[in-house]
Amino acid sequence: MKLAVFVNEYREPAILDRLKADKFGIILVQNGVYHATVKKDGQTSPVLSKDAEFYVLSEDLQSRGFGDGDVDSKVKVINYEGLVDLIFNDFEKFIWL
């Protein structure tokens, strides 16, 4: 199964550790974009330590004052068109957390 999870808050959802998939993606949207940009005590967000492909929505980054250069190198910046491509081409199931 190919599973993608939308993370829309700046907290670590405990359920992420229990999700298993052949292909696992984490899509950071709304306030979830802070996982891709903010470092606490020099460390990246624990969310980015998961075994997954990471994406962040560029429009949500920009609305919070961040740019592509502020994003951790593990995370791919996508726009709405890229999000639609992920939904229709890369993943079968989605969860919103």
C-alpha atoms as a PDB file:
ATOM      1  CA  MET A   1       0.000   0.000   0.000  1.00  0.00           C
ATOM      2  CA  LYS A   2       1.124   3.555  -0.753  1.00  0.00           C
ATOM      3  CA  LEU A   3       0.075   5.836   2.098  1.00  0.00           C
ATOM      4  CA  ALA A   4       0.426   9.585   2.517  1.00  0.00           C
ATOM      5  CA  VAL A   5      -0.305  11.526   5.680  1.00  0.00           C
ATOM      6  CA  PHE A   6      -1.231  15.206   5.745  1.00  0.00           C
ATOM      7  CA  VAL A   7       0.208  16.857   8.870  1.00  0.00           C
ATOM      8  CA  ASN A   8      -1.363  20.254   9.514  1.00  0.00           C
ATOM      9  CA  GLU A   9      -0.225  21.089  13.057  1.00  0.00           C
ATOM     10  CA  TYR A  10       3.136  21.793  14.649  1.00  0.00           C
ATOM     11  CA  ARG A  11       3.055  18.867  17.025  1.00  0.00           C
ATOM     12  CA  GLU A  12       4.238  15.338  16.478  1.00  0.00           C
ATOM     13  CA  PRO A  13       1.252  13.071  15.866  1.00  0.00           C
ATOM     14  CA  ALA A  14       1.880   9.912  17.939  1.00  0.00           C
ATOM     15  CA  ILE A  15       0.163   7.767  15.347  1.00  0.00           C
ATOM     16  CA  LEU A  16       2.978   8.297  12.817  1.00  0.00           C
ATOM     17  CA  ASP A  17       5.073   5.600  14.518  1.00  0.00           C
ATOM     18  CA  ARG A  18       2.281   3.055  14.114  1.00  0.00           C
ATOM     19  CA  LEU A  19       1.599   3.584  10.424  1.00  0.00           C
ATOM     20  CA  LYS A  20       3.201   1.110   8.017  1.00  0.00           C
ATOM     21  CA  ALA A  21       3.179   1.154   4.240  1.00  0.00           C
ATOM     22  CA  ASP A  22       5.252  -0.001   1.275  1.00  0.00           C
ATOM     23  CA  LYS A  23       5.587   3.660   0.329  1.00  0.00           C
ATOM     24  CA  PHE A  24       5.029   6.270   3.028  1.00  0.00           C
ATOM     25  CA  GLY A  25       4.781  10.009   2.488  1.00  0.00           C
ATOM     26  CA  ILE A  26       4.301  12.911   4.867  1.00  0.00           C
ATOM     27  CA  ILE A  27       2.800  16.067   3.375  1.00  0.00           C
ATOM     28  CA  LEU A  28       3.249  19.154   5.553  1.00  0.00           C
ATOM     29  CA  VAL A  29       0.464  21.712   5.152  1.00  0.00           C
ATOM     30  CA  GLN A  30      -0.909  24.677   7.089  1.00  0.00           C
ATOM     31  CA  ASN A  31       0.969  24.949  10.442  1.00  0.00           C
ATOM     32  CA  GLY A  32       2.588  21.580   9.739  1.00  0.00           C
ATOM     33  CA  VAL A  33       5.095  23.439   7.545  1.00  0.00           C
ATOM     34  CA  TYR A  34       6.947  24.433  10.722  1.00  0.00           C
ATOM     35  CA  HIS A  35       8.267  20.843  10.895  1.00  0.00           C
ATOM     36  CA  ALA A  36      10.197  21.570   7.691  1.00  0.00           C
ATOM     37  CA  THR A  37      11.576  24.948   8.747  1.00  0.00           C
ATOM     38  CA  VAL A  38      11.973  25.347  12.505  1.00  0.00           C
ATOM     39  CA  LYS A  39      14.863  23.923  14.511  1.00  0.00           C
ATOM     40  CA  LYS A  40      14.613  23.586  18.259  1.00  0.00           C
ATOM     41  CA  ASP A  41      17.960  23.566  20.083  1.00  0.00           C
ATOM     42  CA  GLY A  42      19.666  23.027  16.717  1.00  0.00           C
ATOM     43  CA  GLN A  43      17.687  19.847  16.032  1.00  0.00           C
ATOM     44  CA  THR A  44      15.158  19.274  13.276  1.00  0.00           C
ATOM     45  CA  SER A  45      11.626  18.184  14.032  1.00  0.00           C
ATOM     46  CA  PRO A  46      11.232  14.558  15.158  1.00  0.00           C
ATOM     47  CA  VAL A  47       8.707  14.175  12.341  1.00  0.00           C
ATOM     48  CA  LEU A  48      11.586  14.397   9.852  1.00  0.00           C
ATOM     49  CA  SER A  49      13.248  11.355  11.440  1.00  0.00           C
ATOM     50  CA  LYS A  50      10.494   9.056  10.172  1.00  0.00           C
ATOM     51  CA  ASP A  51      11.180   6.656   7.313  1.00  0.00           C
ATOM     52  CA  ALA A  52       9.161   8.556   4.722  1.00  0.00           C
ATOM     53  CA  GLU A  53       9.233  10.886   1.755  1.00  0.00           C
ATOM     54  CA  PHE A  54       8.563  14.457   2.878  1.00  0.00           C
ATOM     55  CA  TYR A  55       6.718  17.207   1.034  1.00  0.00           C
ATOM     56  CA  VAL A  56       5.745  20.737   2.025  1.00  0.00           C
ATOM     57  CA  LEU A  57       3.196  22.961   0.315  1.00  0.00           C
ATOM     58  CA  SER A  58       4.874  26.131  -0.990  1.00  0.00           C
ATOM     59  CA  GLU A  59       1.771  28.298  -0.632  1.00  0.00           C
ATOM     60  CA  ASP A  60       1.560  27.472   3.084  1.00  0.00           C
ATOM     61  CA  LEU A  61       5.284  28.203   3.501  1.00  0.00           C
ATOM     62  CA  GLN A  62       4.923  31.607   1.858  1.00  0.00           C
ATOM     63  CA  SER A  63       1.863  32.566   3.877  1.00  0.00           C
ATOM     64  CA  ARG A  64       3.941  32.001   7.043  1.00  0.00           C
ATOM     65  CA  GLY A  65       6.885  34.061   5.813  1.00  0.00           C
ATOM     66  CA  PHE A  66       9.167  31.208   4.712  1.00  0.00           C
ATOM     67  CA  GLY A  67      10.760  30.474   1.365  1.00  0.00           C
ATOM     68  CA  ASP A  68      12.181  27.382  -0.290  1.00  0.00           C
ATOM     69  CA  GLY A  69      15.612  28.137   1.185  1.00  0.00           C
ATOM     70  CA  ASP A  70      14.248  27.816   4.717  1.00  0.00           C
ATOM     71  CA  VAL A  71      13.222  24.191   4.213  1.00  0.00           C
ATOM     72  CA  ASP A  72      15.204  21.197   5.491  1.00  0.00           C
ATOM     73  CA  SER A  73      16.969  19.320   2.689  1.00  0.00           C
ATOM     74  CA  LYS A  74      14.924  16.156   3.380  1.00  0.00           C
ATOM     75  CA  VAL A  75      11.740  17.927   2.347  1.00  0.00           C
ATOM     76  CA  LYS A  76      10.603  18.547  -1.222  1.00  0.00           C
ATOM     77  CA  VAL A  77       8.730  21.806  -1.795  1.00  0.00           C
ATOM     78  CA  ILE A  78       5.624  21.335  -3.956  1.00  0.00           C
ATOM     79  CA  ASN A  79       2.827  23.594  -5.168  1.00  0.00           C
ATOM     80  CA  TYR A  80      -0.851  22.695  -5.568  1.00  0.00           C
ATOM     81  CA  GLU A  81      -0.164  21.167  -8.983  1.00  0.00           C
ATOM     82  CA  GLY A  82       2.515  18.947  -7.430  1.00  0.00           C
ATOM     83  CA  LEU A  83       0.086  17.973  -4.682  1.00  0.00           C
ATOM     84  CA  VAL A  84      -2.480  16.892  -7.245  1.00  0.00           C
ATOM     85  CA  ASP A  85       0.206  14.808  -8.973  1.00  0.00           C
ATOM     86  CA  LEU A  86       1.005  13.084  -5.666  1.00  0.00           C
ATOM     87  CA  ILE A  87      -2.658  12.359  -5.034  1.00  0.00           C
ATOM     88  CA  PHE A  88      -3.338  10.890  -8.458  1.00  0.00           C
ATOM     89  CA  ASN A  89       0.031   9.291  -9.297  1.00  0.00           C
ATOM     90  CA  ASP A  90       2.059   8.427  -6.208  1.00  0.00           C
ATOM     91  CA  PHE A  91      -0.196   7.378  -3.337  1.00  0.00           C
ATOM     92  CA  GLU A  92      -3.313   5.213  -2.948  1.00  0.00           C
ATOM     93  CA  LYS A  93      -4.570   6.205   0.492  1.00  0.00           C
ATOM     94  CA  PHE A  94      -4.450   9.413   2.520  1.00  0.00           C
ATOM     95  CA  ILE A  95      -4.890  10.329   6.174  1.00  0.00           C
ATOM     96  CA  TRP A  96      -5.332  13.831   7.547  1.00  0.00           C
ATOM     97  CA  LEU A  97      -3.822  14.387  11.021  1.00  0.00           C
END
